[in-house]
């Protein structure tokens, strides 16, 4: 069944690290840079080791004793995902698959990722 998780979310499935967020950080990076593709902004977040590079200036985040938005080397995922985007985008670089999941209310779909091959596939849902 479905299980609620934090935002951002770092989990491990079958020994595979996944890291993701609802999408506001990636959309904010697109808004304030020359990047056009959301998947490029997602990749940039990992390269910068920041889940929300524009926070707290452009995105509201709650204060923490330790910054949960910093991605430590030990947290580098095999799958990094972001939700609520206009379209499905996926790209594998350096052993990490970056996946932008479309906003369900705009495009009813789910995204499946094969954890062995890192191939991501969009599956449209009939509603």
Foldseek 3Di string as FASTA:
>chain_A
DDDDADAFHWDADPNFIETEGAAPQLVVQVVPDVDDDSLVSQVVLVVVQFQRVCPPVVPPDDDDPDDPGGHDPVRDGLEYEYEQACDWDWDDDPNHIYIYYHDCVNFNWDWDADSVVRDIDIDGDDD
